[in-house]
Amino acid sequence: MAALLFLAFRVGNLAGANFGETYQVRAQFDNIGGLKVRAPVKSAGVVVGRVSSIAFDTNSYRAEVVFTIGTDYEFPRDTIASILTSGLLGEQYIGLDPGGDIEMLGSGDSLQMTQSAVVLEKLIGQFMFDRAATPSD
């Protein structure tokens, strides 16, 4: 029974690092793909936080993602947030690439530089249309 409970938590993305004290950061993306609430936030492959909410901003027509980061992990204000995928078709997560700013992010700050998710269907469509547009010899 315990093993089934453990697997259920792992599949549901509920297990993992417990951060204790956290701070919230916001970021807006043009496309979040399949990103979900409770998805990991990673830097250098280490889980440093979790996605806490996802909403649509009707003013900018972009997705606004709020995530929490453990207070043990400080990031410069010019950090870049990207939506990445584990493996070819794995779960999506937010990757943080630290910048070089002296000031650190605080609770409620927004990241200005973001990179949206790569949507596989768009890439395949672009490849197919590019292929069809080039004349064959």
N, C-alpha and C. Protein backbone atom coordinates (compact mmCIF):
# COMPACT_ATOMS: atom_id res chain seq x y z
N MET A 1 0.83 -1.19 0.00
CA MET A 1 0.00 0.00 0.00
C MET A 1 0.88 1.26 0.00
N ALA A 2 1.95 1.23 0.80
CA ALA A 2 2.86 2.37 0.87
C ALA A 2 3.53 2.62 -0.49
N ALA A 3 3.90 1.54 -1.18
CA ALA A 3 4.54 1.68 -2.49
C ALA A 3 3.58 2.31 -3.49
N LEU A 4 2.32 1.93 -3.46
CA LEU A 4 1.34 2.53 -4.36
C LEU A 4 1.13 4.01 -4.05
N LEU A 5 1.11 4.35 -2.79
CA LEU A 5 0.97 5.74 -2.39
C LEU A 5 2.18 6.56 -2.86
N PHE A 6 3.37 5.99 -2.70
CA PHE A 6 4.60 6.65 -3.15
C PHE A 6 4.55 6.89 -4.66
N LEU A 7 4.15 5.87 -5.43
CA LEU A 7 4.07 6.01 -6.88
C LEU A 7 3.02 7.04 -7.28
N ALA A 8 1.90 7.07 -6.58
CA ALA A 8 0.86 8.05 -6.88
C ALA A 8 1.39 9.47 -6.69
N PHE A 9 2.14 9.71 -5.62
CA PHE A 9 2.72 11.03 -5.39
C PHE A 9 3.75 11.37 -6.45
N ARG A 10 4.56 10.42 -6.85
CA ARG A 10 5.59 10.68 -7.86
C ARG A 10 4.95 11.00 -9.21
N VAL A 11 3.94 10.24 -9.59
CA VAL A 11 3.27 10.47 -10.86
C VAL A 11 2.54 11.80 -10.82
N GLY A 12 1.94 12.13 -9.70
CA GLY A 12 1.21 13.37 -9.55
C GLY A 12 2.10 14.57 -9.32
N ASN A 13 3.42 14.37 -9.32
CA ASN A 13 4.39 15.45 -9.16
C ASN A 13 4.23 16.15 -7.81
N LEU A 14 3.83 15.41 -6.79
CA LEU A 14 3.63 16.00 -5.48
C LEU A 14 4.79 15.74 -4.53
N ALA A 15 5.60 14.78 -4.85
CA ALA A 15 6.76 14.49 -4.00
C ALA A 15 7.93 15.36 -4.44
N GLY A 16 8.94 15.41 -3.66
CA GLY A 16 10.12 16.15 -4.05
C GLY A 16 10.60 17.04 -2.94
N ALA A 17 11.34 18.03 -3.33
CA ALA A 17 11.97 18.91 -2.36
C ALA A 17 10.94 19.71 -1.58
N ASN A 18 11.16 19.79 -0.28
CA ASN A 18 10.35 20.64 0.58
C ASN A 18 11.20 21.85 0.89
N PHE A 19 10.74 23.03 0.49
CA PHE A 19 11.59 24.20 0.55
C PHE A 19 11.45 25.01 1.83
N GLY A 20 10.44 24.74 2.64
CA GLY A 20 10.25 25.55 3.84
C GLY A 20 9.90 26.98 3.46
N GLU A 21 10.79 27.92 3.75
CA GLU A 21 10.58 29.33 3.39
C GLU A 21 10.78 29.52 1.89
N THR A 22 9.86 30.27 1.27
CA THR A 22 9.94 30.52 -0.17
C THR A 22 9.63 31.98 -0.47
N TYR A 23 9.93 32.39 -1.68
CA TYR A 23 9.50 33.69 -2.18
C TYR A 23 8.92 33.51 -3.57
N GLN A 24 7.97 34.39 -3.95
CA GLN A 24 7.26 34.27 -5.23
C GLN A 24 7.87 35.17 -6.28
N VAL A 25 7.92 34.64 -7.51
CA VAL A 25 8.40 35.38 -8.67
C VAL A 25 7.39 35.18 -9.79
N ARG A 26 7.20 36.22 -10.60
CA ARG A 26 6.27 36.16 -11.74
C ARG A 26 7.06 36.24 -13.04
N ALA A 27 6.48 35.61 -14.07
CA ALA A 27 7.06 35.70 -15.41
C ALA A 27 5.94 35.54 -16.42
N GLN A 28 6.03 36.26 -17.54
CA GLN A 28 5.04 36.15 -18.60
C GLN A 28 5.66 35.48 -19.81
N PHE A 29 4.88 34.59 -20.42
CA PHE A 29 5.35 33.83 -21.58
C PHE A 29 4.32 33.94 -22.71
N ASP A 30 4.81 33.92 -23.95
CA ASP A 30 3.90 33.91 -25.11
C ASP A 30 3.18 32.58 -25.22
N ASN A 31 3.85 31.50 -24.87
CA ASN A 31 3.25 30.17 -24.96
C ASN A 31 3.87 29.29 -23.87
N ILE A 32 3.03 28.70 -23.02
CA ILE A 32 3.55 27.85 -21.95
C ILE A 32 3.47 26.37 -22.30
N GLY A 33 2.96 26.03 -23.48
CA GLY A 33 2.86 24.63 -23.88
C GLY A 33 2.04 23.84 -22.89
N GLY A 34 2.59 22.75 -22.37
CA GLY A 34 1.89 21.89 -21.43
C GLY A 34 2.32 22.08 -19.99
N LEU A 35 2.86 23.25 -19.66
CA LEU A 35 3.30 23.52 -18.29
C LEU A 35 2.11 23.44 -17.35
N LYS A 36 2.30 22.83 -16.20
CA LYS A 36 1.22 22.64 -15.23
C LYS A 36 1.62 23.19 -13.86
N VAL A 37 0.60 23.49 -13.07
CA VAL A 37 0.84 23.89 -11.68
C VAL A 37 1.55 22.73 -10.98
N ARG A 38 2.48 23.03 -10.10
CA ARG A 38 3.34 22.09 -9.36
C ARG A 38 4.50 21.56 -10.20
N ALA A 39 4.66 22.06 -11.43
CA ALA A 39 5.81 21.67 -12.24
C ALA A 39 7.07 22.20 -11.57
N PRO A 40 8.19 21.51 -11.72
CA PRO A 40 9.42 21.97 -11.08
C PRO A 40 9.99 23.23 -11.72
N VAL A 41 10.70 23.99 -10.92
CA VAL A 41 11.52 25.10 -11.38
C VAL A 41 12.95 24.67 -11.10
N LYS A 42 13.78 24.62 -12.16
CA LYS A 42 15.14 24.09 -12.01
C LYS A 42 16.18 25.11 -12.45
N SER A 43 17.34 25.01 -11.83
CA SER A 43 18.51 25.75 -12.26
C SER A 43 19.69 24.80 -12.18
N ALA A 44 20.42 24.67 -13.28
CA ALA A 44 21.55 23.75 -13.37
C ALA A 44 21.13 22.32 -13.05
N GLY A 45 19.88 21.97 -13.37
CA GLY A 45 19.38 20.63 -13.13
C GLY A 45 18.87 20.36 -11.73
N VAL A 46 18.98 21.34 -10.84
CA VAL A 46 18.56 21.19 -9.45
C VAL A 46 17.19 21.83 -9.27
N VAL A 47 16.26 21.12 -8.63
CA VAL A 47 14.94 21.69 -8.37
C VAL A 47 15.07 22.74 -7.27
N VAL A 48 14.72 23.99 -7.63
CA VAL A 48 14.84 25.10 -6.67
C VAL A 48 13.47 25.67 -6.31
N GLY A 49 12.41 25.19 -6.96
CA GLY A 49 11.08 25.72 -6.68
C GLY A 49 10.01 24.96 -7.43
N ARG A 50 8.79 25.49 -7.37
CA ARG A 50 7.62 24.88 -8.02
C ARG A 50 6.72 25.97 -8.58
N VAL A 51 6.02 25.65 -9.67
CA VAL A 51 5.01 26.54 -10.24
C VAL A 51 3.82 26.54 -9.31
N SER A 52 3.35 27.73 -8.91
CA SER A 52 2.22 27.79 -7.99
C SER A 52 0.92 28.20 -8.67
N SER A 53 0.98 28.99 -9.74
CA SER A 53 -0.26 29.31 -10.46
C SER A 53 0.04 29.73 -11.89
N ILE A 54 -0.96 29.53 -12.74
CA ILE A 54 -0.88 29.91 -14.16
C ILE A 54 -2.17 30.63 -14.49
N ALA A 55 -2.06 31.80 -15.12
CA ALA A 55 -3.24 32.58 -15.48
C ALA A 55 -2.99 33.26 -16.83
N PHE A 56 -4.08 33.74 -17.43
CA PHE A 56 -4.00 34.47 -18.69
C PHE A 56 -4.16 35.95 -18.41
N ASP A 57 -3.19 36.76 -18.82
CA ASP A 57 -3.25 38.21 -18.62
C ASP A 57 -3.99 38.82 -19.81
N THR A 58 -5.19 39.36 -19.56
CA THR A 58 -6.01 39.91 -20.63
C THR A 58 -5.49 41.24 -21.17
N ASN A 59 -4.56 41.87 -20.47
CA ASN A 59 -3.97 43.12 -20.97
C ASN A 59 -2.86 42.86 -21.98
N SER A 60 -2.00 41.91 -21.68
CA SER A 60 -0.87 41.64 -22.57
C SER A 60 -1.11 40.43 -23.47
N TYR A 61 -2.20 39.69 -23.22
CA TYR A 61 -2.52 38.46 -23.97
C TYR A 61 -1.38 37.44 -23.90
N ARG A 62 -0.82 37.34 -22.71
CA ARG A 62 0.25 36.38 -22.46
C ARG A 62 -0.10 35.56 -21.23
N ALA A 63 0.55 34.42 -21.08
CA ALA A 63 0.35 33.59 -19.90
C ALA A 63 1.24 34.12 -18.78
N GLU A 64 0.65 34.29 -17.59
CA GLU A 64 1.43 34.73 -16.44
C GLU A 64 1.61 33.54 -15.51
N VAL A 65 2.85 33.22 -15.23
CA VAL A 65 3.19 32.09 -14.38
C VAL A 65 3.80 32.64 -13.09
N VAL A 66 3.24 32.19 -11.97
CA VAL A 66 3.80 32.55 -10.66
C VAL A 66 4.43 31.29 -10.10
N PHE A 67 5.67 31.40 -9.66
CA PHE A 67 6.34 30.24 -9.07
C PHE A 67 7.05 30.65 -7.79
N THR A 68 7.23 29.66 -6.94
CA THR A 68 7.92 29.90 -5.67
C THR A 68 9.31 29.30 -5.74
N ILE A 69 10.25 29.98 -5.12
CA ILE A 69 11.64 29.54 -5.06
C ILE A 69 12.04 29.49 -3.59
N GLY A 70 12.77 28.46 -3.20
CA GLY A 70 13.26 28.36 -1.84
C GLY A 70 14.20 29.50 -1.51
N THR A 71 14.08 30.03 -0.29
CA THR A 71 14.92 31.17 0.10
C THR A 71 16.41 30.82 0.15
N ASP A 72 16.73 29.54 0.14
CA ASP A 72 18.13 29.12 0.08
C ASP A 72 18.76 29.46 -1.27
N TYR A 73 17.91 29.71 -2.28
CA TYR A 73 18.38 29.95 -3.65
C TYR A 73 18.09 31.39 -4.04
N GLU A 74 19.14 32.17 -4.23
CA GLU A 74 18.99 33.55 -4.66
C GLU A 74 19.41 33.67 -6.12
N PHE A 75 18.64 34.46 -6.88
CA PHE A 75 18.93 34.66 -8.29
C PHE A 75 18.98 36.15 -8.60
N PRO A 76 19.89 36.55 -9.52
CA PRO A 76 19.95 37.95 -9.93
C PRO A 76 18.66 38.40 -10.61
N ARG A 77 18.40 39.70 -10.60
CA ARG A 77 17.18 40.25 -11.19
C ARG A 77 17.11 40.03 -12.69
N ASP A 78 18.24 39.86 -13.37
CA ASP A 78 18.22 39.66 -14.83
C ASP A 78 18.26 38.18 -15.23
N THR A 79 17.78 37.33 -14.35
CA THR A 79 17.69 35.90 -14.63
C THR A 79 16.71 35.66 -15.79
N ILE A 80 17.02 34.69 -16.63
CA ILE A 80 16.16 34.33 -17.76
C ILE A 80 15.39 33.07 -17.41
N ALA A 81 14.07 33.11 -17.60
CA ALA A 81 13.21 31.95 -17.36
C ALA A 81 12.82 31.35 -18.70
N SER A 82 13.03 30.04 -18.86
CA SER A 82 12.67 29.33 -20.08
C SER A 82 11.80 28.15 -19.73
N ILE A 83 10.88 27.82 -20.62
CA ILE A 83 10.08 26.61 -20.44
C ILE A 83 10.74 25.52 -21.26
N LEU A 84 11.17 24.48 -20.56
CA LEU A 84 11.93 23.39 -21.16
C LEU A 84 11.18 22.08 -20.98
N THR A 85 11.64 21.05 -21.68
CA THR A 85 11.02 19.73 -21.61
C THR A 85 12.06 18.71 -21.20
N SER A 86 11.68 17.83 -20.27
CA SER A 86 12.57 16.71 -19.88
C SER A 86 12.50 15.66 -20.97
N GLY A 87 13.58 15.47 -21.68
CA GLY A 87 13.60 14.49 -22.75
C GLY A 87 12.81 14.98 -23.95
N LEU A 88 12.47 14.09 -24.87
CA LEU A 88 11.78 14.47 -26.10
C LEU A 88 10.30 14.79 -25.85
N LEU A 89 9.64 13.95 -25.09
CA LEU A 89 8.21 14.14 -24.84
C LEU A 89 7.89 14.14 -23.35
N GLY A 90 8.85 14.49 -22.51
CA GLY A 90 8.66 14.45 -21.07
C GLY A 90 7.90 15.64 -20.53
N GLU A 91 7.88 15.76 -19.20
CA GLU A 91 7.17 16.86 -18.55
C GLU A 91 7.88 18.18 -18.81
N GLN A 92 7.11 19.25 -18.78
CA GLN A 92 7.70 20.56 -18.96
C GLN A 92 7.97 21.20 -17.61
N TYR A 93 9.01 22.02 -17.57
CA TYR A 93 9.41 22.68 -16.34
C TYR A 93 9.99 24.05 -16.69
N ILE A 94 10.19 24.87 -15.69
CA ILE A 94 10.81 26.18 -15.89
C ILE A 94 12.29 26.06 -15.55
N GLY A 95 13.13 26.48 -16.47
CA GLY A 95 14.57 26.51 -16.24
C GLY A 95 15.01 27.95 -16.02
N LEU A 96 15.80 28.17 -15.00
CA LEU A 96 16.31 29.51 -14.69
C LEU A 96 17.78 29.59 -15.02
N ASP A 97 18.14 30.59 -15.84
CA ASP A 97 19.53 30.86 -16.18
C ASP A 97 19.91 32.18 -15.52
N PRO A 98 20.76 32.13 -14.48
CA PRO A 98 21.10 33.36 -13.76
C PRO A 98 21.85 34.35 -14.63
N GLY A 99 21.56 35.62 -14.40
CA GLY A 99 22.25 36.69 -15.10
C GLY A 99 23.44 37.17 -14.27
N GLY A 100 23.83 38.42 -14.48
CA GLY A 100 24.99 38.96 -13.78
C GLY A 100 24.69 40.18 -12.93
N ASP A 101 23.41 40.47 -12.73
CA ASP A 101 23.02 41.65 -11.95
C ASP A 101 23.47 41.50 -10.50
N ILE A 102 23.77 42.64 -9.87
CA ILE A 102 24.17 42.62 -8.46
C ILE A 102 22.96 42.45 -7.56
N GLU A 103 21.82 43.07 -7.95
CA GLU A 103 20.60 42.97 -7.15
C GLU A 103 19.96 41.61 -7.34
N MET A 104 19.44 41.07 -6.24
CA MET A 104 18.79 39.76 -6.28
C MET A 104 17.27 39.90 -6.35
N LEU A 105 16.63 38.86 -6.88
CA LEU A 105 15.17 38.82 -6.92
C LEU A 105 14.60 38.81 -5.52
N GLY A 106 13.46 39.46 -5.35
CA GLY A 106 12.75 39.43 -4.08
C GLY A 106 11.33 38.94 -4.31
N SER A 107 10.61 38.72 -3.25
CA SER A 107 9.25 38.25 -3.35
C SER A 107 8.39 39.26 -4.10
N GLY A 108 7.64 38.78 -5.10
CA GLY A 108 6.76 39.64 -5.88
C GLY A 108 7.40 40.22 -7.12
N ASP A 109 8.70 40.02 -7.32
CA ASP A 109 9.39 40.54 -8.51
C ASP A 109 8.95 39.79 -9.76
N SER A 110 9.12 40.45 -10.90
CA SER A 110 8.80 39.83 -12.20
C SER A 110 10.07 39.70 -13.02
N LEU A 111 10.20 38.56 -13.69
CA LEU A 111 11.32 38.36 -14.61
C LEU A 111 10.95 38.99 -15.95
N GLN A 112 11.85 39.75 -16.51
CA GLN A 112 11.58 40.47 -17.76
C GLN A 112 11.96 39.64 -18.99
N MET A 113 12.95 38.77 -18.85
CA MET A 113 13.41 37.99 -20.00
C MET A 113 12.92 36.55 -19.87
N THR A 114 12.10 36.14 -20.84
CA THR A 114 11.56 34.79 -20.82
C THR A 114 11.68 34.17 -22.21
N GLN A 115 11.67 32.86 -22.23
CA GLN A 115 11.67 32.11 -23.48
C GLN A 115 10.54 31.10 -23.42
N SER A 116 9.63 31.18 -24.36
CA SER A 116 8.44 30.33 -24.36
C SER A 116 8.77 28.89 -24.70
N ALA A 117 7.77 28.03 -24.49
CA ALA A 117 7.92 26.61 -24.78
C ALA A 117 8.03 26.39 -26.28
N VAL A 118 8.80 25.40 -26.67
CA VAL A 118 8.88 24.98 -28.06
C VAL A 118 7.75 23.98 -28.27
N VAL A 119 6.86 24.32 -29.20
CA VAL A 119 5.70 23.46 -29.46
C VAL A 119 6.05 22.56 -30.63
N LEU A 120 6.09 21.26 -30.38
CA LEU A 120 6.51 20.28 -31.38
C LEU A 120 5.64 20.34 -32.63
N GLU A 121 4.34 20.55 -32.46
CA GLU A 121 3.43 20.61 -33.61
C GLU A 121 3.78 21.78 -34.53
N LYS A 122 4.18 22.92 -33.94
CA LYS A 122 4.57 24.08 -34.74
C LYS A 122 5.84 23.78 -35.54
N LEU A 123 6.80 23.15 -34.88
CA LEU A 123 8.05 22.81 -35.57
C LEU A 123 7.82 21.87 -36.74
N ILE A 124 6.97 20.87 -36.53
CA ILE A 124 6.67 19.92 -37.61
C ILE A 124 5.95 20.64 -38.74
N GLY A 125 4.99 21.52 -38.39
CA GLY A 125 4.26 22.27 -39.41
C GLY A 125 5.19 23.16 -40.22
N GLN A 126 6.11 23.85 -39.55
CA GLN A 126 7.06 24.71 -40.25
C GLN A 126 7.95 23.89 -41.18
N PHE A 127 8.37 22.74 -40.70
CA PHE A 127 9.21 21.86 -41.53
C PHE A 127 8.45 21.40 -42.76
N MET A 128 7.20 21.01 -42.57
CA MET A 128 6.39 20.51 -43.70
C MET A 128 6.14 21.62 -44.72
N PHE A 129 5.81 22.83 -44.26
CA PHE A 129 5.54 23.92 -45.19
C PHE A 129 6.82 24.37 -45.88
N ASP A 130 7.94 24.41 -45.18
CA ASP A 130 9.21 24.75 -45.80
C ASP A 130 9.60 23.73 -46.85
N ARG A 131 9.34 22.47 -46.53
CA ARG A 131 9.66 21.37 -47.46
C ARG A 131 8.81 21.47 -48.72
N ALA A 132 7.52 21.81 -48.53
CA ALA A 132 6.62 21.89 -49.67
C ALA A 132 6.92 23.13 -50.52
N ALA A 133 7.45 24.19 -49.93
CA ALA A 133 7.72 25.43 -50.65
C ALA A 133 8.99 25.36 -51.50
N THR A 134 9.93 24.49 -51.13
CA THR A 134 11.17 24.40 -51.90
C THR A 134 10.95 23.49 -53.10
N PRO A 135 11.34 23.95 -54.28
CA PRO A 135 11.16 23.11 -55.48
C PRO A 135 12.12 21.93 -55.47
N SER A 136 11.62 20.80 -55.89
CA SER A 136 12.48 19.60 -55.94
C SER A 136 13.18 19.53 -57.29
N ASP A 137 14.37 18.97 -57.27
CA ASP A 137 15.17 18.86 -58.50
C ASP A 137 14.82 17.63 -59.28
